[in-house]
N, C-alpha and C. Protein backbone atom coordinates (compact mmCIF):
# COMPACT_ATOMS: atom_id res chain seq x y z
N UNK A 1 126.89 97.39 104.92
CA UNK A 1 125.46 97.68 105.02
C UNK A 1 125.26 98.99 105.77
N UNK A 2 124.37 99.83 105.28
CA UNK A 2 124.08 101.05 106.01
C UNK A 2 122.85 100.84 106.92
N UNK A 3 122.47 101.86 107.63
CA UNK A 3 121.37 101.75 108.58
C UNK A 3 120.05 101.36 107.90
N UNK A 4 119.79 101.84 106.67
CA UNK A 4 118.58 101.48 105.99
C UNK A 4 118.52 99.98 105.73
N UNK A 5 119.66 99.40 105.31
CA UNK A 5 119.69 97.95 105.10
C UNK A 5 119.48 97.22 106.41
N UNK A 6 120.09 97.68 107.50
CA UNK A 6 119.89 97.04 108.81
C UNK A 6 118.43 97.11 109.21
N UNK A 7 117.77 98.26 108.95
CA UNK A 7 116.38 98.43 109.25
C UNK A 7 115.52 97.46 108.45
N UNK A 8 115.84 97.32 107.16
CA UNK A 8 115.07 96.41 106.31
C UNK A 8 115.21 94.99 106.76
N UNK A 9 116.40 94.58 107.16
CA UNK A 9 116.65 93.25 107.67
C UNK A 9 115.83 93.00 108.94
N UNK A 10 115.86 93.98 109.82
CA UNK A 10 115.12 93.84 111.08
C UNK A 10 113.63 93.75 110.82
N UNK A 11 113.12 94.57 109.88
CA UNK A 11 111.71 94.51 109.54
C UNK A 11 111.32 93.15 108.93
N UNK A 12 112.19 92.66 108.05
CA UNK A 12 111.92 91.34 107.43
C UNK A 12 111.92 90.23 108.52
N UNK A 13 112.85 90.30 109.44
CA UNK A 13 112.89 89.28 110.52
C UNK A 13 111.64 89.35 111.38
N UNK A 14 111.21 90.57 111.71
CA UNK A 14 109.97 90.74 112.49
C UNK A 14 108.77 90.19 111.72
N UNK A 15 108.75 90.44 110.42
CA UNK A 15 107.64 89.98 109.60
C UNK A 15 107.60 88.47 109.56
N UNK A 16 108.74 87.84 109.51
CA UNK A 16 108.83 86.39 109.47
C UNK A 16 108.24 85.83 110.76
N UNK A 17 108.45 86.50 111.87
CA UNK A 17 107.91 86.05 113.16
C UNK A 17 106.44 86.41 113.32
N UNK A 18 106.04 87.51 112.77
CA UNK A 18 104.65 87.99 112.94
C UNK A 18 103.89 87.83 111.64
N UNK A 19 103.61 88.93 110.98
CA UNK A 19 102.90 88.90 109.74
C UNK A 19 103.77 88.33 108.61
N UNK A 20 103.21 87.45 107.79
CA UNK A 20 104.00 86.89 106.71
C UNK A 20 104.03 87.79 105.47
N UNK A 21 103.43 88.97 105.54
CA UNK A 21 103.38 89.86 104.39
C UNK A 21 104.44 90.92 104.46
N UNK A 22 105.20 91.10 103.34
CA UNK A 22 106.27 92.06 103.30
C UNK A 22 105.95 93.15 102.26
N UNK A 23 106.46 94.34 102.52
CA UNK A 23 106.35 95.45 101.58
C UNK A 23 107.29 95.17 100.41
N UNK A 24 107.21 95.99 99.39
CA UNK A 24 108.10 95.85 98.23
C UNK A 24 109.55 95.90 98.66
N UNK A 25 109.93 96.88 99.48
CA UNK A 25 111.33 97.01 99.88
C UNK A 25 111.78 95.79 100.71
N UNK A 26 110.92 95.36 101.64
CA UNK A 26 111.27 94.21 102.47
C UNK A 26 111.37 92.93 101.64
N UNK A 27 110.40 92.77 100.70
CA UNK A 27 110.42 91.57 99.83
C UNK A 27 111.68 91.56 98.97
N UNK A 28 112.01 92.72 98.40
CA UNK A 28 113.21 92.79 97.56
C UNK A 28 114.47 92.42 98.35
N UNK A 29 114.58 92.93 99.54
CA UNK A 29 115.72 92.62 100.40
C UNK A 29 115.73 91.13 100.73
N UNK A 30 114.58 90.57 101.01
CA UNK A 30 114.43 89.16 101.40
C UNK A 30 114.94 88.23 100.30
N UNK A 31 114.66 88.56 99.03
CA UNK A 31 115.09 87.72 97.92
C UNK A 31 116.38 88.21 97.26
N UNK A 32 116.95 89.31 97.75
CA UNK A 32 118.24 89.77 97.26
C UNK A 32 118.20 90.60 95.98
N UNK A 33 117.12 91.32 95.78
CA UNK A 33 116.99 92.23 94.64
C UNK A 33 116.89 93.65 95.13
N UNK A 34 117.16 94.57 94.22
CA UNK A 34 116.92 95.99 94.53
C UNK A 34 115.41 96.20 94.46
N UNK A 35 114.87 97.07 95.29
CA UNK A 35 113.43 97.28 95.32
C UNK A 35 112.87 97.73 93.99
N UNK A 36 113.69 98.51 93.25
CA UNK A 36 113.20 98.99 91.95
C UNK A 36 113.13 97.86 90.93
N UNK A 37 114.05 96.90 91.05
CA UNK A 37 114.02 95.72 90.15
C UNK A 37 112.73 94.94 90.38
N UNK A 38 112.39 94.71 91.64
CA UNK A 38 111.17 93.99 91.93
C UNK A 38 109.95 94.76 91.45
N UNK A 39 109.97 96.06 91.62
CA UNK A 39 108.86 96.92 91.15
C UNK A 39 108.72 96.85 89.64
N UNK A 40 109.84 96.85 88.92
CA UNK A 40 109.81 96.75 87.46
C UNK A 40 109.30 95.38 87.01
N UNK A 41 109.75 94.34 87.69
CA UNK A 41 109.28 93.00 87.34
C UNK A 41 107.77 92.90 87.54
N UNK A 42 107.27 93.44 88.61
CA UNK A 42 105.84 93.40 88.90
C UNK A 42 105.07 94.16 87.81
N UNK A 43 105.59 95.33 87.37
CA UNK A 43 104.94 96.11 86.33
C UNK A 43 104.91 95.40 84.99
N UNK A 44 105.87 94.52 84.74
CA UNK A 44 105.92 93.77 83.47
C UNK A 44 105.21 92.44 83.57
N UNK A 45 104.65 92.14 84.73
CA UNK A 45 103.93 90.86 84.91
C UNK A 45 104.86 89.70 85.23
N UNK A 46 106.08 89.97 85.70
CA UNK A 46 107.03 88.92 86.05
C UNK A 46 107.26 88.98 87.56
N UNK A 47 108.04 88.06 88.02
CA UNK A 47 108.41 88.08 89.46
C UNK A 47 107.44 87.31 90.31
N UNK A 48 107.64 87.39 91.62
CA UNK A 48 106.79 86.65 92.54
C UNK A 48 105.36 87.20 92.60
N UNK A 49 104.47 86.34 93.03
CA UNK A 49 103.07 86.70 93.23
C UNK A 49 102.97 87.79 94.28
N UNK A 50 102.07 88.72 94.09
CA UNK A 50 101.88 89.79 95.05
C UNK A 50 100.39 90.00 95.28
N UNK A 51 100.09 90.74 96.34
CA UNK A 51 98.67 91.03 96.65
C UNK A 51 98.54 92.51 96.90
N UNK A 52 97.37 93.02 96.68
CA UNK A 52 97.07 94.40 97.04
C UNK A 52 96.27 94.37 98.34
N UNK A 53 96.75 95.10 99.30
CA UNK A 53 96.06 95.28 100.57
C UNK A 53 95.72 96.73 100.60
N UNK A 54 94.51 97.05 100.13
CA UNK A 54 94.15 98.46 99.99
C UNK A 54 94.99 99.06 98.89
N UNK A 55 95.70 100.14 99.23
CA UNK A 55 96.60 100.76 98.26
C UNK A 55 98.00 100.24 98.34
N UNK A 56 98.23 99.28 99.18
CA UNK A 56 99.58 98.75 99.41
C UNK A 56 99.81 97.43 98.67
N UNK A 57 101.01 97.27 98.17
CA UNK A 57 101.44 96.00 97.55
C UNK A 57 102.14 95.19 98.63
N UNK A 58 101.74 93.94 98.75
CA UNK A 58 102.39 93.05 99.76
C UNK A 58 102.74 91.71 99.10
N UNK A 59 103.84 91.18 99.56
CA UNK A 59 104.31 89.85 99.14
C UNK A 59 104.31 88.91 100.30
N UNK A 60 103.76 87.73 100.10
CA UNK A 60 103.76 86.71 101.15
C UNK A 60 105.11 85.98 101.11
N UNK A 61 105.65 85.72 102.27
CA UNK A 61 106.98 85.09 102.34
C UNK A 61 106.99 83.73 101.61
N UNK A 62 105.93 82.95 101.74
CA UNK A 62 105.87 81.65 101.03
C UNK A 62 105.95 81.84 99.52
N UNK A 63 105.29 82.87 99.00
CA UNK A 63 105.33 83.13 97.56
C UNK A 63 106.75 83.54 97.13
N UNK A 64 107.44 84.33 97.96
CA UNK A 64 108.80 84.70 97.65
C UNK A 64 109.71 83.48 97.66
N UNK A 65 109.55 82.62 98.65
CA UNK A 65 110.38 81.41 98.73
C UNK A 65 110.10 80.52 97.51
N UNK A 66 108.83 80.33 97.15
CA UNK A 66 108.51 79.50 95.99
C UNK A 66 109.05 80.07 94.70
N UNK A 67 108.90 81.35 94.52
CA UNK A 67 109.40 82.00 93.30
C UNK A 67 110.92 81.88 93.22
N UNK A 68 111.58 82.11 94.35
CA UNK A 68 113.03 82.03 94.36
C UNK A 68 113.51 80.61 94.06
N UNK A 69 112.86 79.63 94.62
CA UNK A 69 113.23 78.23 94.40
C UNK A 69 112.95 77.81 92.96
N UNK A 70 111.80 78.22 92.43
CA UNK A 70 111.39 77.78 91.10
C UNK A 70 112.08 78.50 89.96
N UNK A 71 112.47 79.76 90.16
CA UNK A 71 113.03 80.51 89.03
C UNK A 71 114.38 81.12 89.32
N UNK A 72 114.87 81.04 90.52
CA UNK A 72 116.14 81.67 90.84
C UNK A 72 117.33 80.99 90.20
N UNK A 73 118.24 81.81 89.72
CA UNK A 73 119.50 81.30 89.17
C UNK A 73 119.42 80.69 87.80
N UNK A 74 118.31 80.79 87.12
CA UNK A 74 118.25 80.24 85.77
C UNK A 74 118.26 81.36 84.75
N UNK A 75 119.38 81.46 84.10
CA UNK A 75 119.53 82.49 83.06
C UNK A 75 120.08 81.84 81.79
N UNK A 76 119.62 82.33 80.67
CA UNK A 76 120.15 81.84 79.40
C UNK A 76 121.55 82.39 79.22
N UNK A 77 122.41 81.60 78.55
CA UNK A 77 123.78 82.11 78.26
C UNK A 77 123.70 83.39 77.41
N UNK A 78 124.69 84.22 77.56
CA UNK A 78 124.76 85.47 76.79
C UNK A 78 124.74 85.16 75.31
N UNK A 79 123.86 85.84 74.61
CA UNK A 79 123.80 85.70 73.18
C UNK A 79 122.87 84.58 72.65
N UNK A 80 122.12 83.97 73.52
CA UNK A 80 121.24 82.94 73.00
C UNK A 80 120.48 82.22 74.09
N UNK A 81 119.77 81.19 73.67
CA UNK A 81 118.99 80.41 74.63
C UNK A 81 119.84 79.31 75.22
N UNK A 82 119.28 78.64 76.19
CA UNK A 82 120.05 77.57 76.86
C UNK A 82 119.77 76.19 76.27
N UNK A 83 119.13 76.15 75.09
CA UNK A 83 118.82 74.85 74.47
C UNK A 83 119.91 74.42 73.54
């Protein structure tokens, strides 16, 4: 991990103790995605619920936990559906 990752972890831990709202980068780190992946998912209408606080996008930790629990780790096998 480099210093930016350490900083993101520290910010996420502080947010967990204080404000439950995380920025895109903090939320992505919290659920184990690259920030750009989370941004792309949001643009396509997928991913965890988010809120706009003025011009800022924020994710609530409970929404991230719910999304991760409800949809995490479920992928269709390569080449088809899982049915």
